[in-house]
Amino acid sequence: MSDRTALPLALAWTTLTSVATPHATLVVLPSLGTSVRVWEPLARALGDRWRIDAVDLPGHGASEPHDAPFSVRDLAVEVARGIDARIDTPVLLVGVSLGGAIALELAAMREVRGALIVNSGLRFGDRAGWDRLRAVVRVGGTAALAEESAAGWFSERFPQQQPELVEACLMDLSAVDDSSYRRCCDALEAFDGRTTAARVTTRVAAVGTADDPATPASGMRRLAAAIEGAHYVELAAGKHLANVEHPERLAALLEELGAADDRP
């Protein structure tokens, strides 16, 4: 954990699906600029088979703003604290982008039943790209990112197919605390998951999409190759938020991980 970080990060949790006697809990972790809303399509696709607990990033959704440095590992430590406080079943991690990096850190630091990592990577972008993004937010706030985010998050036809869902996701982006967003950018820029991936021993499925401009499929192939026994799946359609566009496919991958049918 970084000694520069003013902890705790006060991450907010939301139970998306609750069942009377869950045999496993999905802990779902969202992408930069989004809220727990991006996991609602997956929750619907899975029905009532699992309890699903979702976490908001700092200054995103229901989480408190945080304008002090933190790392991806710091976020993972805070999620681990939440898991210990609220969950008494086996845990399966599901994360997209920054959430995928958090899931990778968690899978390396504690026992989990498995991890589904979507549109993420071992490294994220370059200094010039992060500087540009931080500058845009500094001048115009996160609302200034709406147009480019819509183009990067969703395939061309999806906004016409699901206009209300896309609009809600963009409204969530506009509501993100600007300083917290930039701190998340800092954490992603500094992240290097190569040594972390080598320590992961749980079952992992890694998902990339061919047209993702933010976390290219090539990076997800490298992530899968760095984890012993990881299974890589590449989706031909969709962009950065494959969990929003392809919830049924991700639900099927969760079944393949075995978490739905394995009884303790």
C-alpha atoms as a PDB file:
ATOM      1  CA  MET A   1       0.000   0.000   0.000  1.00  0.00           C
ATOM      2  CA  SER A   2       1.282   3.462  -0.812  1.00  0.00           C
ATOM      3  CA  ASP A   3       2.368   5.414   2.261  1.00  0.00           C
ATOM      4  CA  ARG A   4       1.355   8.610   0.440  1.00  0.00           C
ATOM      5  CA  THR A   5      -2.315   7.693   0.467  1.00  0.00           C
ATOM      6  CA  ALA A   6      -4.817   9.266   2.833  1.00  0.00           C
ATOM      7  CA  LEU A   7      -6.853   6.192   3.697  1.00  0.00           C
ATOM      8  CA  PRO A   8      -9.544   5.076   3.991  1.00  0.00           C
ATOM      9  CA  LEU A   9     -10.854   5.591   0.478  1.00  0.00           C
ATOM     10  CA  ALA A  10     -14.485   5.116   1.610  1.00  0.00           C
ATOM     11  CA  LEU A  11     -15.633   3.073  -1.363  1.00  0.00           C
ATOM     12  CA  ALA A  12     -19.402   2.626  -1.645  1.00  0.00           C
ATOM     13  CA  TRP A  13     -20.920  -0.833  -2.090  1.00  0.00           C
ATOM     14  CA  THR A  14     -24.246  -1.704  -3.705  1.00  0.00           C
ATOM     15  CA  THR A  15     -25.930  -5.109  -3.674  1.00  0.00           C
ATOM     16  CA  LEU A  16     -27.344  -5.536  -7.174  1.00  0.00           C
ATOM     17  CA  THR A  17     -28.756  -9.025  -6.620  1.00  0.00           C
ATOM     18  CA  SER A  18     -29.449 -10.720  -3.311  1.00  0.00           C
ATOM     19  CA  VAL A  19     -30.383 -14.369  -2.771  1.00  0.00           C
ATOM     20  CA  ALA A  20     -31.357 -16.127   0.433  1.00  0.00           C
ATOM     21  CA  THR A  21     -28.475 -18.630   0.548  1.00  0.00           C
ATOM     22  CA  PRO A  22     -25.803 -17.617  -1.964  1.00  0.00           C
ATOM     23  CA  HIS A  23     -23.086 -20.193  -2.605  1.00  0.00           C
ATOM     24  CA  ALA A  24     -20.856 -17.516  -4.118  1.00  0.00           C
ATOM     25  CA  THR A  25     -20.760 -13.731  -4.363  1.00  0.00           C
ATOM     26  CA  LEU A  26     -19.705 -11.835  -7.453  1.00  0.00           C
ATOM     27  CA  VAL A  27     -17.757  -8.698  -6.580  1.00  0.00           C
ATOM     28  CA  VAL A  28     -17.958  -6.462  -9.647  1.00  0.00           C
ATOM     29  CA  LEU A  29     -15.562  -3.557 -10.236  1.00  0.00           C
ATOM     30  CA  PRO A  30     -16.243  -0.826 -12.822  1.00  0.00           C
ATOM     31  CA  SER A  31     -14.252   1.164 -15.343  1.00  0.00           C
ATOM     32  CA  LEU A  32     -12.896   4.705 -14.974  1.00  0.00           C
ATOM     33  CA  GLY A  33     -15.713   7.233 -15.428  1.00  0.00           C
ATOM     34  CA  THR A  34     -18.538   4.780 -14.744  1.00  0.00           C
ATOM     35  CA  SER A  35     -20.645   3.624 -11.813  1.00  0.00           C
ATOM     36  CA  VAL A  36     -22.107   0.326 -10.662  1.00  0.00           C
ATOM     37  CA  ARG A  37     -24.723   0.894 -13.373  1.00  0.00           C
ATOM     38  CA  VAL A  38     -22.430  -0.752 -15.934  1.00  0.00           C
ATOM     39  CA  TRP A  39     -22.990  -4.094 -14.180  1.00  0.00           C
ATOM     40  CA  GLU A  40     -26.801  -3.989 -14.252  1.00  0.00           C
ATOM     41  CA  PRO A  41     -26.984  -5.718 -17.683  1.00  0.00           C
ATOM     42  CA  LEU A  42     -24.841  -8.591 -16.369  1.00  0.00           C
ATOM     43  CA  ALA A  43     -26.973  -8.836 -13.224  1.00  0.00           C
ATOM     44  CA  ARG A  44     -30.080  -9.169 -15.405  1.00  0.00           C
ATOM     45  CA  ALA A  45     -28.385 -11.781 -17.600  1.00  0.00           C
ATOM     46  CA  LEU A  46     -27.423 -13.867 -14.562  1.00  0.00           C
ATOM     47  CA  GLY A  47     -30.848 -13.657 -12.934  1.00  0.00           C
ATOM     48  CA  ASP A  48     -31.009 -14.641  -9.267  1.00  0.00           C
ATOM     49  CA  ARG A  49     -28.344 -17.361  -9.145  1.00  0.00           C
ATOM     50  CA  TRP A  50     -25.737 -15.319  -7.270  1.00  0.00           C
ATOM     51  CA  ARG A  51     -25.480 -12.437  -4.898  1.00  0.00           C
ATOM     52  CA  ILE A  52     -23.809  -9.579  -6.780  1.00  0.00           C
ATOM     53  CA  ASP A  53     -22.045  -6.800  -4.877  1.00  0.00           C
ATOM     54  CA  ALA A  54     -20.780  -3.795  -6.828  1.00  0.00           C
ATOM     55  CA  VAL A  55     -18.154  -1.222  -5.815  1.00  0.00           C
ATOM     56  CA  ASP A  56     -17.907   2.410  -6.941  1.00  0.00           C
ATOM     57  CA  LEU A  57     -14.503   4.000  -7.547  1.00  0.00           C
ATOM     58  CA  PRO A  58     -13.496   7.120  -5.554  1.00  0.00           C
ATOM     59  CA  GLY A  59     -15.667  10.093  -6.520  1.00  0.00           C
ATOM     60  CA  HIS A  60     -17.738   7.873  -8.832  1.00  0.00           C
ATOM     61  CA  GLY A  61     -21.355   6.892  -8.219  1.00  0.00           C
ATOM     62  CA  ALA A  62     -22.029   6.762  -4.481  1.00  0.00           C
ATOM     63  CA  SER A  63     -18.369   6.821  -3.347  1.00  0.00           C
ATOM     64  CA  GLU A  64     -16.939   9.862  -1.596  1.00  0.00           C
ATOM     65  CA  PRO A  65     -14.473  12.075  -3.528  1.00  0.00           C
ATOM     66  CA  HIS A  66     -10.807  11.496  -2.795  1.00  0.00           C
ATOM     67  CA  ASP A  67      -8.203  14.091  -3.761  1.00  0.00           C
ATOM     68  CA  ALA A  68      -5.065  12.414  -2.450  1.00  0.00           C
ATOM     69  CA  PRO A  69      -2.762  10.003  -4.291  1.00  0.00           C
ATOM     70  CA  PHE A  70      -3.673   6.329  -4.356  1.00  0.00           C
ATOM     71  CA  SER A  71      -2.585   3.316  -6.352  1.00  0.00           C
ATOM     72  CA  VAL A  72      -4.467   0.431  -7.923  1.00  0.00           C
ATOM     73  CA  ARG A  73      -3.181  -1.721  -5.086  1.00  0.00           C
ATOM     74  CA  ASP A  74      -4.584   0.762  -2.556  1.00  0.00           C
ATOM     75  CA  LEU A  75      -7.977   0.365  -4.215  1.00  0.00           C
ATOM     76  CA  ALA A  76      -7.630  -3.426  -4.064  1.00  0.00           C
ATOM     77  CA  VAL A  77      -6.798  -3.274  -0.347  1.00  0.00           C
ATOM     78  CA  GLU A  78      -9.909  -1.191   0.296  1.00  0.00           C
ATOM     79  CA  VAL A  79     -12.073  -3.624  -1.683  1.00  0.00           C
ATOM     80  CA  ALA A  80     -10.548  -6.497   0.305  1.00  0.00           C
ATOM     81  CA  ARG A  81     -11.562  -4.735   3.531  1.00  0.00           C
ATOM     82  CA  GLY A  82     -15.102  -4.432   2.232  1.00  0.00           C
ATOM     83  CA  ILE A  83     -15.182  -8.109   1.274  1.00  0.00           C
ATOM     84  CA  ASP A  84     -14.053  -9.111   4.773  1.00  0.00           C
ATOM     85  CA  ALA A  85     -16.679  -6.860   6.369  1.00  0.00           C
ATOM     86  CA  ARG A  86     -19.725  -7.863   4.316  1.00  0.00           C
ATOM     87  CA  ILE A  87     -19.236 -11.204   2.528  1.00  0.00           C
ATOM     88  CA  ASP A  88     -19.082 -14.665   4.088  1.00  0.00           C
ATOM     89  CA  THR A  89     -19.271 -16.785   0.942  1.00  0.00           C
ATOM     90  CA  PRO A  90     -16.634 -17.656  -1.660  1.00  0.00           C
ATOM     91  CA  VAL A  91     -15.924 -14.659  -3.916  1.00  0.00           C
ATOM     92  CA  LEU A  92     -15.555 -14.450  -7.665  1.00  0.00           C
ATOM     93  CA  LEU A  93     -14.142 -11.194  -9.027  1.00  0.00           C
ATOM     94  CA  VAL A  94     -15.353  -9.466 -12.175  1.00  0.00           C
ATOM     95  CA  GLY A  95     -13.696  -6.250 -13.326  1.00  0.00           C
ATOM     96  CA  VAL A  96     -13.594  -4.076 -16.433  1.00  0.00           C
ATOM     97  CA  SER A  97     -10.663  -1.763 -17.261  1.00  0.00           C
ATOM     98  CA  LEU A  98      -9.507  -0.149 -13.985  1.00  0.00           C
ATOM     99  CA  GLY A  99     -11.818  -2.617 -12.245  1.00  0.00           C
ATOM    100  CA  GLY A 100      -9.967  -5.419 -14.021  1.00  0.00           C
ATOM    101  CA  ALA A 101      -6.651  -4.131 -12.699  1.00  0.00           C
ATOM    102  CA  ILE A 102      -8.130  -4.067  -9.186  1.00  0.00           C
ATOM    103  CA  ALA A 103      -9.383  -7.630  -9.683  1.00  0.00           C
ATOM    104  CA  LEU A 104      -5.886  -8.698 -10.775  1.00  0.00           C
ATOM    105  CA  GLU A 105      -4.369  -7.220  -7.609  1.00  0.00           C
ATOM    106  CA  LEU A 106      -7.030  -8.856  -5.438  1.00  0.00           C
ATOM    107  CA  ALA A 107      -6.542 -12.251  -7.079  1.00  0.00           C
ATOM    108  CA  ALA A 108      -2.833 -12.043  -6.284  1.00  0.00           C
ATOM    109  CA  MET A 109      -3.299 -11.023  -2.637  1.00  0.00           C
ATOM    110  CA  ARG A 110      -6.117 -13.271  -1.390  1.00  0.00           C
ATOM    111  CA  GLU A 111      -7.940 -16.514  -2.069  1.00  0.00           C
ATOM    112  CA  VAL A 112     -10.828 -16.125  -4.510  1.00  0.00           C
ATOM    113  CA  ARG A 113     -12.811 -18.650  -6.512  1.00  0.00           C
ATOM    114  CA  GLY A 114     -11.888 -17.066  -9.838  1.00  0.00           C
ATOM    115  CA  ALA A 115     -11.642 -13.828 -11.778  1.00  0.00           C
ATOM    116  CA  LEU A 116     -13.182 -12.538 -15.006  1.00  0.00           C
ATOM    117  CA  ILE A 117     -11.083  -9.631 -16.305  1.00  0.00           C
ATOM    118  CA  VAL A 118     -12.611  -7.602 -19.131  1.00  0.00           C
ATOM    119  CA  ASN A 119     -11.038  -4.952 -21.400  1.00  0.00           C
ATOM    120  CA  SER A 120      -8.170  -4.270 -19.037  1.00  0.00           C
ATOM    121  CA  GLY A 121      -4.419  -4.858 -19.210  1.00  0.00           C
ATOM    122  CA  LEU A 122      -1.052  -5.072 -17.523  1.00  0.00           C
ATOM    123  CA  ARG A 123      -0.275  -1.459 -18.461  1.00  0.00           C
ATOM    124  CA  PHE A 124      -2.570   1.416 -19.485  1.00  0.00           C
ATOM    125  CA  GLY A 125      -1.762   4.038 -22.111  1.00  0.00           C
ATOM    126  CA  ASP A 126       1.179   6.450 -22.107  1.00  0.00           C
ATOM    127  CA  ARG A 127       2.117   9.713 -20.410  1.00  0.00           C
ATOM    128  CA  ALA A 128       0.966  11.915 -23.286  1.00  0.00           C
ATOM    129  CA  GLY A 129      -2.467  10.323 -23.350  1.00  0.00           C
ATOM    130  CA  TRP A 130      -2.967  10.626 -19.599  1.00  0.00           C
ATOM    131  CA  ASP A 131      -1.749  14.228 -19.616  1.00  0.00           C
ATOM    132  CA  ARG A 132      -4.281  15.089 -22.315  1.00  0.00           C
ATOM    133  CA  LEU A 133      -7.120  13.411 -20.440  1.00  0.00           C
ATOM    134  CA  ARG A 134      -6.279  15.150 -17.172  1.00  0.00           C
ATOM    135  CA  ALA A 135      -6.056  18.496 -18.969  1.00  0.00           C
ATOM    136  CA  VAL A 136      -9.495  18.062 -20.543  1.00  0.00           C
ATOM    137  CA  VAL A 137     -11.036  17.305 -17.147  1.00  0.00           C
ATOM    138  CA  ARG A 138      -9.174  20.162 -15.475  1.00  0.00           C
ATOM    139  CA  VAL A 139     -10.656  22.650 -17.946  1.00  0.00           C
ATOM    140  CA  GLY A 140     -14.109  21.255 -18.683  1.00  0.00           C
ATOM    141  CA  GLY A 141     -14.790  18.642 -16.036  1.00  0.00           C
ATOM    142  CA  THR A 142     -15.679  15.035 -16.740  1.00  0.00           C
ATOM    143  CA  ALA A 143     -18.701  16.183 -18.783  1.00  0.00           C
ATOM    144  CA  ALA A 144     -16.224  17.310 -21.457  1.00  0.00           C
ATOM    145  CA  LEU A 145     -15.330  13.639 -22.031  1.00  0.00           C
ATOM    146  CA  ALA A 146     -18.844  12.530 -22.967  1.00  0.00           C
ATOM    147  CA  GLU A 147     -18.494  12.515 -26.758  1.00  0.00           C
ATOM    148  CA  GLU A 148     -15.168  10.717 -26.942  1.00  0.00           C
ATOM    149  CA  SER A 149     -16.175   8.313 -24.174  1.00  0.00           C
ATOM    150  CA  ALA A 150     -19.366   7.334 -25.998  1.00  0.00           C
ATOM    151  CA  ALA A 151     -17.305   6.606 -29.113  1.00  0.00           C
ATOM    152  CA  GLY A 152     -14.751   4.588 -27.158  1.00  0.00           C
ATOM    153  CA  TRP A 153     -17.100   2.728 -24.862  1.00  0.00           C
ATOM    154  CA  PHE A 154     -19.745   1.509 -27.314  1.00  0.00           C
ATOM    155  CA  SER A 155     -19.866   0.175 -30.852  1.00  0.00           C
ATOM    156  CA  GLU A 156     -21.468   2.408 -33.475  1.00  0.00           C
ATOM    157  CA  ARG A 157     -24.927   0.839 -33.407  1.00  0.00           C
ATOM    158  CA  PHE A 158     -25.298   0.321 -29.674  1.00  0.00           C
ATOM    159  CA  PRO A 159     -26.472   3.880 -28.786  1.00  0.00           C
ATOM    160  CA  GLN A 160     -29.359   3.428 -31.229  1.00  0.00           C
ATOM    161  CA  GLN A 161     -30.185   0.035 -29.742  1.00  0.00           C
ATOM    162  CA  GLN A 162     -29.968   1.096 -26.075  1.00  0.00           C
ATOM    163  CA  PRO A 163     -30.248   4.920 -26.020  1.00  0.00           C
ATOM    164  CA  GLU A 164     -31.474   5.211 -22.423  1.00  0.00           C
ATOM    165  CA  LEU A 165     -28.700   3.004 -21.074  1.00  0.00           C
ATOM    166  CA  VAL A 166     -26.007   4.883 -22.995  1.00  0.00           C
ATOM    167  CA  GLU A 167     -27.383   8.243 -21.866  1.00  0.00           C
ATOM    168  CA  ALA A 168     -27.444   7.079 -18.249  1.00  0.00           C
ATOM    169  CA  CYS A 169     -23.818   5.946 -18.463  1.00  0.00           C
ATOM    170  CA  LEU A 170     -22.786   9.329 -19.875  1.00  0.00           C
ATOM    171  CA  MET A 171     -24.712  11.123 -17.127  1.00  0.00           C
ATOM    172  CA  ASP A 172     -22.805   9.048 -14.574  1.00  0.00           C
ATOM    173  CA  LEU A 173     -19.559  10.147 -16.232  1.00  0.00           C
ATOM    174  CA  SER A 174     -20.578  13.817 -16.017  1.00  0.00           C
ATOM    175  CA  ALA A 175     -21.313  13.400 -12.309  1.00  0.00           C
ATOM    176  CA  VAL A 176     -17.862  12.009 -11.437  1.00  0.00           C
ATOM    177  CA  ASP A 177     -15.792  14.225  -9.154  1.00  0.00           C
ATOM    178  CA  ASP A 178     -13.106  15.852 -11.308  1.00  0.00           C
ATOM    179  CA  SER A 179     -10.252  15.531  -8.811  1.00  0.00           C
ATOM    180  CA  SER A 180     -11.073  11.910  -8.059  1.00  0.00           C
ATOM    181  CA  TYR A 181     -11.155  11.157 -11.783  1.00  0.00           C
ATOM    182  CA  ARG A 182      -7.679  12.618 -12.228  1.00  0.00           C
ATOM    183  CA  ARG A 183      -6.405  10.600  -9.259  1.00  0.00           C
ATOM    184  CA  CYS A 184      -7.760   7.445 -10.912  1.00  0.00           C
ATOM    185  CA  CYS A 185      -5.895   8.475 -14.078  1.00  0.00           C
ATOM    186  CA  ASP A 186      -2.713   8.786 -12.008  1.00  0.00           C
ATOM    187  CA  ALA A 187      -3.245   5.300 -10.564  1.00  0.00           C
ATOM    188  CA  LEU A 188      -3.789   3.765 -13.994  1.00  0.00           C
ATOM    189  CA  GLU A 189      -0.774   5.526 -15.477  1.00  0.00           C
ATOM    190  CA  ALA A 190       1.461   4.153 -12.702  1.00  0.00           C
ATOM    191  CA  PHE A 191       0.007   0.633 -12.762  1.00  0.00           C
ATOM    192  CA  ASP A 192       2.249  -2.230 -13.843  1.00  0.00           C
ATOM    193  CA  GLY A 193       0.579  -5.591 -13.421  1.00  0.00           C
ATOM    194  CA  ARG A 194       3.322  -7.797 -14.851  1.00  0.00           C
ATOM    195  CA  THR A 195       4.741  -9.060 -11.563  1.00  0.00           C
ATOM    196  CA  THR A 196       1.256  -9.174 -10.033  1.00  0.00           C
ATOM    197  CA  ALA A 197      -0.041 -11.425 -12.816  1.00  0.00           C
ATOM    198  CA  ALA A 198       2.766 -13.903 -12.198  1.00  0.00           C
ATOM    199  CA  ARG A 199       1.488 -14.408  -8.620  1.00  0.00           C
ATOM    200  CA  VAL A 200      -2.107 -15.213  -9.593  1.00  0.00           C
ATOM    201  CA  THR A 201      -2.999 -18.881  -9.128  1.00  0.00           C
ATOM    202  CA  THR A 202      -6.804 -18.803  -9.308  1.00  0.00           C
ATOM    203  CA  ARG A 203      -8.863 -19.515 -12.434  1.00  0.00           C
ATOM    204  CA  VAL A 204      -8.923 -16.490 -14.743  1.00  0.00           C
ATOM    205  CA  ALA A 205     -10.865 -15.723 -17.904  1.00  0.00           C
ATOM    206  CA  ALA A 206      -9.615 -12.667 -19.807  1.00  0.00           C
ATOM    207  CA  VAL A 207     -11.855 -10.931 -22.349  1.00  0.00           C
ATOM    208  CA  GLY A 208     -10.754  -8.515 -25.053  1.00  0.00           C
ATOM    209  CA  THR A 209     -12.673  -6.896 -27.887  1.00  0.00           C
ATOM    210  CA  ALA A 210     -11.219  -6.401 -31.352  1.00  0.00           C
ATOM    211  CA  ASP A 211     -12.280  -2.741 -31.614  1.00  0.00           C
ATOM    212  CA  ASP A 212     -11.452  -1.466 -28.110  1.00  0.00           C
ATOM    213  CA  PRO A 213      -9.389   1.743 -28.519  1.00  0.00           C
ATOM    214  CA  ALA A 214      -8.578   2.142 -24.817  1.00  0.00           C
ATOM    215  CA  THR A 215      -7.357  -1.338 -23.892  1.00  0.00           C
ATOM    216  CA  PRO A 216      -6.524  -3.145 -27.142  1.00  0.00           C
ATOM    217  CA  ALA A 217      -7.041  -6.867 -27.498  1.00  0.00           C
ATOM    218  CA  SER A 218      -3.276  -7.305 -27.839  1.00  0.00           C
ATOM    219  CA  GLY A 219      -2.878  -6.104 -24.245  1.00  0.00           C
ATOM    220  CA  MET A 220      -5.479  -8.558 -23.015  1.00  0.00           C
ATOM    221  CA  ARG A 221      -3.702 -11.383 -24.817  1.00  0.00           C
ATOM    222  CA  ARG A 222      -0.521 -10.397 -22.963  1.00  0.00           C
ATOM    223  CA  LEU A 223      -2.425 -10.336 -19.664  1.00  0.00           C
ATOM    224  CA  ALA A 224      -3.794 -13.833 -20.250  1.00  0.00           C
ATOM    225  CA  ALA A 225      -0.352 -15.111 -21.241  1.00  0.00           C
ATOM    226  CA  ALA A 226       1.138 -13.730 -18.012  1.00  0.00           C
ATOM    227  CA  ILE A 227      -1.259 -15.753 -15.814  1.00  0.00           C
ATOM    228  CA  GLU A 228      -0.669 -19.469 -15.695  1.00  0.00           C
ATOM    229  CA  GLY A 229      -3.684 -21.341 -17.036  1.00  0.00           C
ATOM    230  CA  ALA A 230      -5.700 -18.227 -17.939  1.00  0.00           C
ATOM    231  CA  HIS A 231      -8.322 -18.557 -20.656  1.00  0.00           C
ATOM    232  CA  TYR A 232      -8.477 -15.786 -23.267  1.00  0.00           C
ATOM    233  CA  VAL A 233     -11.612 -14.902 -25.250  1.00  0.00           C
ATOM    234  CA  GLU A 234     -11.737 -12.211 -27.920  1.00  0.00           C
ATOM    235  CA  LEU A 235     -15.087 -10.712 -28.916  1.00  0.00           C
ATOM    236  CA  ALA A 236     -15.319  -9.647 -32.538  1.00  0.00           C
ATOM    237  CA  ALA A 237     -17.812  -6.845 -31.848  1.00  0.00           C
ATOM    238  CA  GLY A 238     -17.966  -4.157 -29.196  1.00  0.00           C
ATOM    239  CA  LYS A 239     -15.570  -1.644 -27.729  1.00  0.00           C
ATOM    240  CA  HIS A 240     -14.411  -0.814 -24.188  1.00  0.00           C
ATOM    241  CA  LEU A 241     -17.504  -1.650 -22.124  1.00  0.00           C
ATOM    242  CA  ALA A 242     -18.065  -5.207 -23.296  1.00  0.00           C
ATOM    243  CA  ASN A 243     -19.873  -5.891 -20.027  1.00  0.00           C
ATOM    244  CA  VAL A 244     -22.590  -3.434 -21.109  1.00  0.00           C
ATOM    245  CA  GLU A 245     -22.838  -4.591 -24.740  1.00  0.00           C
ATOM    246  CA  HIS A 246     -22.359  -8.340 -24.214  1.00  0.00           C
ATOM    247  CA  PRO A 247     -23.712  -9.296 -20.770  1.00  0.00           C
ATOM    248  CA  GLU A 248     -24.981 -12.674 -21.959  1.00  0.00           C
ATOM    249  CA  ARG A 249     -21.534 -13.625 -23.260  1.00  0.00           C
ATOM    250  CA  LEU A 250     -19.927 -12.642 -19.976  1.00  0.00           C
ATOM    251  CA  ALA A 251     -22.585 -14.560 -18.049  1.00  0.00           C
ATOM    252  CA  ALA A 252     -21.689 -17.645 -20.089  1.00  0.00           C
ATOM    253  CA  LEU A 253     -18.007 -17.163 -19.299  1.00  0.00           C
ATOM    254  CA  LEU A 254     -18.830 -16.984 -15.605  1.00  0.00           C
ATOM    255  CA  GLU A 255     -20.597 -20.317 -15.954  1.00  0.00           C
ATOM    256  CA  GLU A 256     -17.469 -21.716 -17.605  1.00  0.00           C
ATOM    257  CA  LEU A 257     -15.387 -20.546 -14.655  1.00  0.00           C
ATOM    258  CA  GLY A 258     -17.537 -22.923 -12.618  1.00  0.00           C
ATOM    259  CA  ALA A 259     -18.684 -20.509  -9.934  1.00  0.00           C
ATOM    260  CA  ALA A 260     -22.407 -21.094 -10.537  1.00  0.00           C
ATOM    261  CA  ASP A 261     -22.304 -24.862 -10.247  1.00  0.00           C
ATOM    262  CA  ASP A 262     -19.530 -25.506  -7.744  1.00  0.00           C
ATOM    263  CA  ARG A 263     -21.011 -26.017  -4.306  1.00  0.00           C
ATOM    264  CA  PRO A 264     -18.761 -25.532  -1.306  1.00  0.00           C
END
